[in-house]
Amino acid sequence: MALSMEEQRILTQIEIRLREDDPRLAHRLARLGAPRRRARTAALAAAVIIIVAAVGAAVAVAAAAL
């Protein structure tokens, strides 16, 4: 459910006050989205590793057949 314009304005004011009152806490809260990026990066890395392993296995089989 989307926020109304008034709710969005209030939320923005709260965020601004938080940054002014406790910058360290604001920074920590802003980093809460970081695990999602890490999970996506880990999934991408796993996919690349699987592809490289499959290609390596295919090359090894082809080389053994020669």
PDB file of N, CA and C in Angstrom:
ATOM      1  N   MET A   1       0.845  -1.171   0.000  1.00  0.00           N
ATOM      2  CA  MET A   1       0.000   0.000   0.000  1.00  0.00           C
ATOM      3  C   MET A   1       0.896   1.242   0.000  1.00  0.00           C
ATOM      4  N   ALA A   2       0.630   2.144  -0.895  1.00  0.00           N
ATOM      5  CA  ALA A   2       1.436   3.348  -1.028  1.00  0.00           C
ATOM      6  C   ALA A   2       1.086   4.356   0.062  1.00  0.00           C
ATOM      7  N   LEU A   3       2.067   5.183   0.384  1.00  0.00           N
ATOM      8  CA  LEU A   3       1.845   6.230   1.371  1.00  0.00           C
ATOM      9  C   LEU A   3       1.171   7.422   0.714  1.00  0.00           C
ATOM     10  N   SER A   4       0.343   8.104   1.492  1.00  0.00           N
ATOM     11  CA  SER A   4      -0.256   9.339   0.994  1.00  0.00           C
ATOM     12  C   SER A   4       0.827  10.416   0.968  1.00  0.00           C
ATOM     13  N   MET A   5       0.549  11.512   0.310  1.00  0.00           N
ATOM     14  CA  MET A   5       1.508  12.616   0.245  1.00  0.00           C
ATOM     15  C   MET A   5       1.828  13.126   1.650  1.00  0.00           C
ATOM     16  N   GLU A   6       0.819  13.220   2.494  1.00  0.00           N
ATOM     17  CA  GLU A   6       1.019  13.696   3.867  1.00  0.00           C
ATOM     18  C   GLU A   6       1.894  12.719   4.656  1.00  0.00           C
ATOM     19  N   GLU A   7       1.634  11.435   4.511  1.00  0.00           N
ATOM     20  CA  GLU A   7       2.440  10.427   5.206  1.00  0.00           C
ATOM     21  C   GLU A   7       3.886  10.455   4.717  1.00  0.00           C
ATOM     22  N   GLN A   8       4.062  10.624   3.423  1.00  0.00           N
ATOM     23  CA  GLN A   8       5.413  10.700   2.862  1.00  0.00           C
ATOM     24  C   GLN A   8       6.140  11.934   3.383  1.00  0.00           C
ATOM     25  N   ARG A   9       5.432  13.055   3.479  1.00  0.00           N
ATOM     26  CA  ARG A   9       6.027  14.293   3.999  1.00  0.00           C
ATOM     27  C   ARG A   9       6.462  14.110   5.453  1.00  0.00           C
ATOM     28  N   ILE A  10       5.601  13.493   6.258  1.00  0.00           N
ATOM     29  CA  ILE A  10       5.919  13.251   7.669  1.00  0.00           C
ATOM     30  C   ILE A  10       7.119  12.316   7.790  1.00  0.00           C
ATOM     31  N   LEU A  11       7.135  11.261   6.994  1.00  0.00           N
ATOM     32  CA  LEU A  11       8.255  10.320   7.018  1.00  0.00           C
ATOM     33  C   LEU A  11       9.561  11.016   6.640  1.00  0.00           C
ATOM     34  N   THR A  12       9.519  11.877   5.655  1.00  0.00           N
ATOM     35  CA  THR A  12      10.708  12.622   5.242  1.00  0.00           C
ATOM     36  C   THR A  12      11.199  13.516   6.370  1.00  0.00           C
ATOM     37  N   GLN A  13      10.281  14.179   7.066  1.00  0.00           N
ATOM     38  CA  GLN A  13      10.665  15.026   8.200  1.00  0.00           C
ATOM     39  C   GLN A  13      11.314  14.200   9.309  1.00  0.00           C
ATOM     40  N   ILE A  14      10.765  13.026   9.577  1.00  0.00           N
ATOM     41  CA  ILE A  14      11.335  12.147  10.602  1.00  0.00           C
ATOM     42  C   ILE A  14      12.748  11.732  10.206  1.00  0.00           C
ATOM     43  N   GLU A  15      12.938  11.387   8.944  1.00  0.00           N
ATOM     44  CA  GLU A  15      14.264  10.982   8.470  1.00  0.00           C
ATOM     45  C   GLU A  15      15.273  12.120   8.606  1.00  0.00           C
ATOM     46  N   ILE A  16      14.855  13.322   8.256  1.00  0.00           N
ATOM     47  CA  ILE A  16      15.747  14.482   8.355  1.00  0.00           C
ATOM     48  C   ILE A  16      16.132  14.728   9.807  1.00  0.00           C
ATOM     49  N   ARG A  17      15.153  14.684  10.702  1.00  0.00           N
ATOM     50  CA  ARG A  17      15.442  14.893  12.130  1.00  0.00           C
ATOM     51  C   ARG A  17      16.362  13.807  12.670  1.00  0.00           C
ATOM     52  N   LEU A  18      16.144  12.581  12.252  1.00  0.00           N
ATOM     53  CA  LEU A  18      16.996  11.486  12.711  1.00  0.00           C
ATOM     54  C   LEU A  18      18.435  11.709  12.266  1.00  0.00           C
ATOM     55  N   ARG A  19      18.623  12.096  11.011  1.00  0.00           N
ATOM     56  CA  ARG A  19      19.978  12.360  10.515  1.00  0.00           C
ATOM     57  C   ARG A  19      20.649  13.479  11.306  1.00  0.00           C
ATOM     58  N   GLU A  20      19.868  14.498  11.677  1.00  0.00           N
ATOM     59  CA  GLU A  20      20.422  15.611  12.447  1.00  0.00           C
ATOM     60  C   GLU A  20      20.716  15.205  13.889  1.00  0.00           C
ATOM     61  N   ASP A  21      19.803  14.455  14.507  1.00  0.00           N
ATOM     62  CA  ASP A  21      19.933  14.100  15.925  1.00  0.00           C
ATOM     63  C   ASP A  21      20.931  12.976  16.176  1.00  0.00           C
ATOM     64  N   ASP A  22      20.947  11.978  15.324  1.00  0.00           N
ATOM     65  CA  ASP A  22      21.815  10.812  15.540  1.00  0.00           C
ATOM     66  C   ASP A  22      22.313  10.283  14.198  1.00  0.00           C
ATOM     67  N   PRO A  23      23.340  10.929  13.650  1.00  0.00           N
ATOM     68  CA  PRO A  23      23.837  10.528  12.334  1.00  0.00           C
ATOM     69  C   PRO A  23      24.319   9.077  12.284  1.00  0.00           C
ATOM     70  N   ARG A  24      24.908   8.581  13.378  1.00  0.00           N
ATOM     71  CA  ARG A  24      25.395   7.195  13.378  1.00  0.00           C
ATOM     72  C   ARG A  24      24.240   6.213  13.240  1.00  0.00           C
ATOM     73  N   LEU A  25      23.169   6.447  13.993  1.00  0.00           N
ATOM     74  CA  LEU A  25      22.002   5.568  13.898  1.00  0.00           C
ATOM     75  C   LEU A  25      21.380   5.660  12.510  1.00  0.00           C
ATOM     76  N   ALA A  26      21.284   6.866  11.974  1.00  0.00           N
ATOM     77  CA  ALA A  26      20.723   7.041  10.636  1.00  0.00           C
ATOM     78  C   ALA A  26      21.540   6.267   9.608  1.00  0.00           C
ATOM     79  N   HIS A  27      22.860   6.301   9.760  1.00  0.00           N
ATOM     80  CA  HIS A  27      23.731   5.563   8.835  1.00  0.00           C
ATOM     81  C   HIS A  27      23.503   4.061   8.964  1.00  0.00           C
ATOM     82  N   ARG A  28      23.389   3.580  10.195  1.00  0.00           N
ATOM     83  CA  ARG A  28      23.149   2.148  10.404  1.00  0.00           C
ATOM     84  C   ARG A  28      21.813   1.721   9.812  1.00  0.00           C
ATOM     85  N   LEU A  29      20.793   2.531  10.005  1.00  0.00           N
ATOM     86  CA  LEU A  29      19.477   2.194   9.466  1.00  0.00           C
ATOM     87  C   LEU A  29      19.481   2.223   7.942  1.00  0.00           C
ATOM     88  N   ALA A  30      20.240   3.141   7.367  1.00  0.00           N
ATOM     89  CA  ALA A  30      20.309   3.240   5.908  1.00  0.00           C
ATOM     90  C   ALA A  30      20.974   2.011   5.307  1.00  0.00           C
ATOM     91  N   ARG A  31      21.851   1.364   6.087  1.00  0.00           N
ATOM     92  CA  ARG A  31      22.561   0.190   5.583  1.00  0.00           C
ATOM     93  C   ARG A  31      21.721  -1.074   5.653  1.00  0.00           C
ATOM     94  N   LEU A  32      20.511  -1.013   6.186  1.00  0.00           N
ATOM     95  CA  LEU A  32      19.678  -2.204   6.297  1.00  0.00           C
ATOM     96  C   LEU A  32      19.374  -2.815   4.937  1.00  0.00           C
ATOM     97  N   GLY A  33      19.392  -2.034   3.878  1.00  0.00           N
ATOM     98  CA  GLY A  33      19.169  -2.569   2.540  1.00  0.00           C
ATOM     99  C   GLY A  33      20.369  -3.277   1.971  1.00  0.00           C
ATOM    100  N   ALA A  34      21.518  -3.120   2.583  1.00  0.00           N
ATOM    101  CA  ALA A  34      22.748  -3.717   2.072  1.00  0.00           C
ATOM    102  C   ALA A  34      22.715  -5.230   1.983  1.00  0.00           C
ATOM    103  N   PRO A  35      22.132  -5.957   2.945  1.00  0.00           N
ATOM    104  CA  PRO A  35      22.122  -7.417   2.819  1.00  0.00           C
ATOM    105  C   PRO A  35      21.449  -7.909   1.540  1.00  0.00           C
ATOM    106  N   ARG A  36      20.463  -7.190   1.064  1.00  0.00           N
ATOM    107  CA  ARG A  36      19.817  -7.592  -0.194  1.00  0.00           C
ATOM    108  C   ARG A  36      20.812  -7.554  -1.339  1.00  0.00           C
ATOM    109  N   ARG A  37      21.619  -6.506  -1.361  1.00  0.00           N
ATOM    110  CA  ARG A  37      22.622  -6.405  -2.418  1.00  0.00           C
ATOM    111  C   ARG A  37      23.653  -7.514  -2.284  1.00  0.00           C
ATOM    112  N   ARG A  38      24.034  -7.807  -1.044  1.00  0.00           N
ATOM    113  CA  ARG A  38      25.001  -8.879  -0.829  1.00  0.00           C
ATOM    114  C   ARG A  38      24.434 -10.219  -1.261  1.00  0.00           C
ATOM    115  N   ALA A  39      23.170 -10.461  -0.972  1.00  0.00           N
ATOM    116  CA  ALA A  39      22.537 -11.729  -1.359  1.00  0.00           C
ATOM    117  C   ALA A  39      22.483 -11.845  -2.876  1.00  0.00           C
ATOM    118  N   ARG A  40      22.165 -10.758  -3.544  1.00  0.00           N
ATOM    119  CA  ARG A  40      22.110 -10.763  -5.003  1.00  0.00           C
ATOM    120  C   ARG A  40      23.501 -11.004  -5.587  1.00  0.00           C
ATOM    121  N   THR A  41      24.507 -10.360  -5.009  1.00  0.00           N
ATOM    122  CA  THR A  41      25.878 -10.556  -5.470  1.00  0.00           C
ATOM    123  C   THR A  41      26.330 -11.992  -5.234  1.00  0.00           C
ATOM    124  N   ALA A  42      25.970 -12.553  -4.085  1.00  0.00           N
ATOM    125  CA  ALA A  42      26.335 -13.942  -3.787  1.00  0.00           C
ATOM    126  C   ALA A  42      25.665 -14.900  -4.766  1.00  0.00           C
ATOM    127  N   ALA A  43      24.409 -14.653  -5.092  1.00  0.00           N
ATOM    128  CA  ALA A  43      23.701 -15.508  -6.049  1.00  0.00           C
ATOM    129  C   ALA A  43      24.343 -15.408  -7.431  1.00  0.00           C
ATOM    130  N   LEU A  44      24.708 -14.215  -7.828  1.00  0.00           N
ATOM    131  CA  LEU A  44      25.373 -14.031  -9.119  1.00  0.00           C
ATOM    132  C   LEU A  44      26.728 -14.734  -9.137  1.00  0.00           C
ATOM    133  N   ALA A  45      27.479 -14.609  -8.055  1.00  0.00           N
ATOM    134  CA  ALA A  45      28.780 -15.276  -7.969  1.00  0.00           C
ATOM    135  C   ALA A  45      28.614 -16.793  -8.036  1.00  0.00           C
ATOM    136  N   ALA A  46      27.611 -17.323  -7.357  1.00  0.00           N
ATOM    137  CA  ALA A  46      27.358 -18.768  -7.393  1.00  0.00           C
ATOM    138  C   ALA A  46      27.019 -19.219  -8.809  1.00  0.00           C
ATOM    139  N   ALA A  47      26.206 -18.433  -9.511  1.00  0.00           N
ATOM    140  CA  ALA A  47      25.843 -18.779 -10.885  1.00  0.00           C
ATOM    141  C   ALA A  47      27.075 -18.783 -11.789  1.00  0.00           C
ATOM    142  N   VAL A  48      27.935 -17.801 -11.625  1.00  0.00           N
ATOM    143  CA  VAL A  48      29.156 -17.736 -12.433  1.00  0.00           C
ATOM    144  C   VAL A  48      30.052 -18.932 -12.139  1.00  0.00           C
ATOM    145  N   ILE A  49      30.185 -19.288 -10.865  1.00  0.00           N
ATOM    146  CA  ILE A  49      31.018 -20.443 -10.497  1.00  0.00           C
ATOM    147  C   ILE A  49      30.470 -21.726 -11.117  1.00  0.00           C
ATOM    148  N   ILE A  50      29.165 -21.904 -11.084  1.00  0.00           N
ATOM    149  CA  ILE A  50      28.547 -23.101 -11.670  1.00  0.00           C
ATOM    150  C   ILE A  50      28.793 -23.153 -13.174  1.00  0.00           C
ATOM    151  N   ILE A  51      28.636 -22.021 -13.836  1.00  0.00           N
ATOM    152  CA  ILE A  51      28.852 -21.970 -15.288  1.00  0.00           C
ATOM    153  C   ILE A  51      30.311 -22.275 -15.621  1.00  0.00           C
ATOM    154  N   VAL A  52      31.235 -21.669 -14.880  1.00  0.00           N
ATOM    155  CA  VAL A  52      32.661 -21.912 -15.127  1.00  0.00           C
ATOM    156  C   VAL A  52      32.995 -23.380 -14.884  1.00  0.00           C
ATOM    157  N   ALA A  53      32.434 -23.970 -13.835  1.00  0.00           N
ATOM    158  CA  ALA A  53      32.682 -25.389 -13.551  1.00  0.00           C
ATOM    159  C   ALA A  53      32.132 -26.272 -14.665  1.00  0.00           C
ATOM    160  N   ALA A  54      30.953 -25.948 -15.175  1.00  0.00           N
ATOM    161  CA  ALA A  54      30.357 -26.736 -16.254  1.00  0.00           C
ATOM    162  C   ALA A  54      31.191 -26.634 -17.523  1.00  0.00           C
ATOM    163  N   VAL A  55      31.638 -25.437 -17.842  1.00  0.00           N
ATOM    164  CA  VAL A  55      32.478 -25.258 -19.030  1.00  0.00           C
ATOM    165  C   VAL A  55      33.800 -25.995 -18.847  1.00  0.00           C
ATOM    166  N   GLY A  56      34.377 -25.909 -17.661  1.00  0.00           N
ATOM    167  CA  GLY A  56      35.625 -26.622 -17.386  1.00  0.00           C
ATOM    168  C   GLY A  56      35.460 -28.124 -17.529  1.00  0.00           C
ATOM    169  N   ALA A  57      34.353 -28.658 -17.037  1.00  0.00           N
ATOM    170  CA  ALA A  57      34.089 -30.095 -17.159  1.00  0.00           C
ATOM    171  C   ALA A  57      33.915 -30.482 -18.620  1.00  0.00           C
ATOM    172  N   ALA A  58      33.211 -29.656 -19.383  1.00  0.00           N
ATOM    173  CA  ALA A  58      33.006 -29.951 -20.801  1.00  0.00           C
ATOM    174  C   ALA A  58      34.331 -29.937 -21.553  1.00  0.00           C
ATOM    175  N   VAL A  59      35.192 -29.001 -21.239  1.00  0.00           N
ATOM    176  CA  VAL A  59      36.502 -28.926 -21.888  1.00  0.00           C
ATOM    177  C   VAL A  59      37.342 -30.144 -21.511  1.00  0.00           C
ATOM    178  N   ALA A  60      37.273 -30.556 -20.251  1.00  0.00           N
ATOM    179  CA  ALA A  60      38.037 -31.730 -19.808  1.00  0.00           C
ATOM    180  C   ALA A  60      37.564 -32.990 -20.514  1.00  0.00           C
ATOM    181  N   VAL A  61      36.268 -33.140 -20.671  1.00  0.00           N
ATOM    182  CA  VAL A  61      35.720 -34.313 -21.369  1.00  0.00           C
ATOM    183  C   VAL A  61      36.134 -34.284 -22.835  1.00  0.00           C
ATOM    184  N   ALA A  62      36.059 -33.109 -23.451  1.00  0.00           N
ATOM    185  CA  ALA A  62      36.444 -32.989 -24.858  1.00  0.00           C
ATOM    186  C   ALA A  62      37.932 -33.270 -25.039  1.00  0.00           C
ATOM    187  N   ALA A  63      38.754 -32.803 -24.122  1.00  0.00           N
ATOM    188  CA  ALA A  63      40.197 -33.035 -24.214  1.00  0.00           C
ATOM    189  C   ALA A  63      40.523 -34.515 -24.009  1.00  0.00           C
ATOM    190  N   ALA A  64      39.791 -35.177 -23.137  1.00  0.00           N
ATOM    191  CA  ALA A  64      40.025 -36.602 -22.888  1.00  0.00           C
ATOM    192  C   ALA A  64      39.612 -37.439 -24.089  1.00  0.00           C
ATOM    193  N   ALA A  65      38.642 -36.968 -24.853  1.00  0.00           N
ATOM    194  CA  ALA A  65      38.166 -37.706 -26.017  1.00  0.00           C
ATOM    195  C   ALA A  65      39.155 -37.616 -27.171  1.00  0.00           C
ATOM    196  N   LEU A  66      40.032 -36.651 -27.145  1.00  0.00           N
ATOM    197  CA  LEU A  66      41.013 -36.497 -28.230  1.00  0.00           C
ATOM    198  C   LEU A  66      42.083 -37.469 -28.008  1.00  0.00           C
TER     199      LEU A  66
END
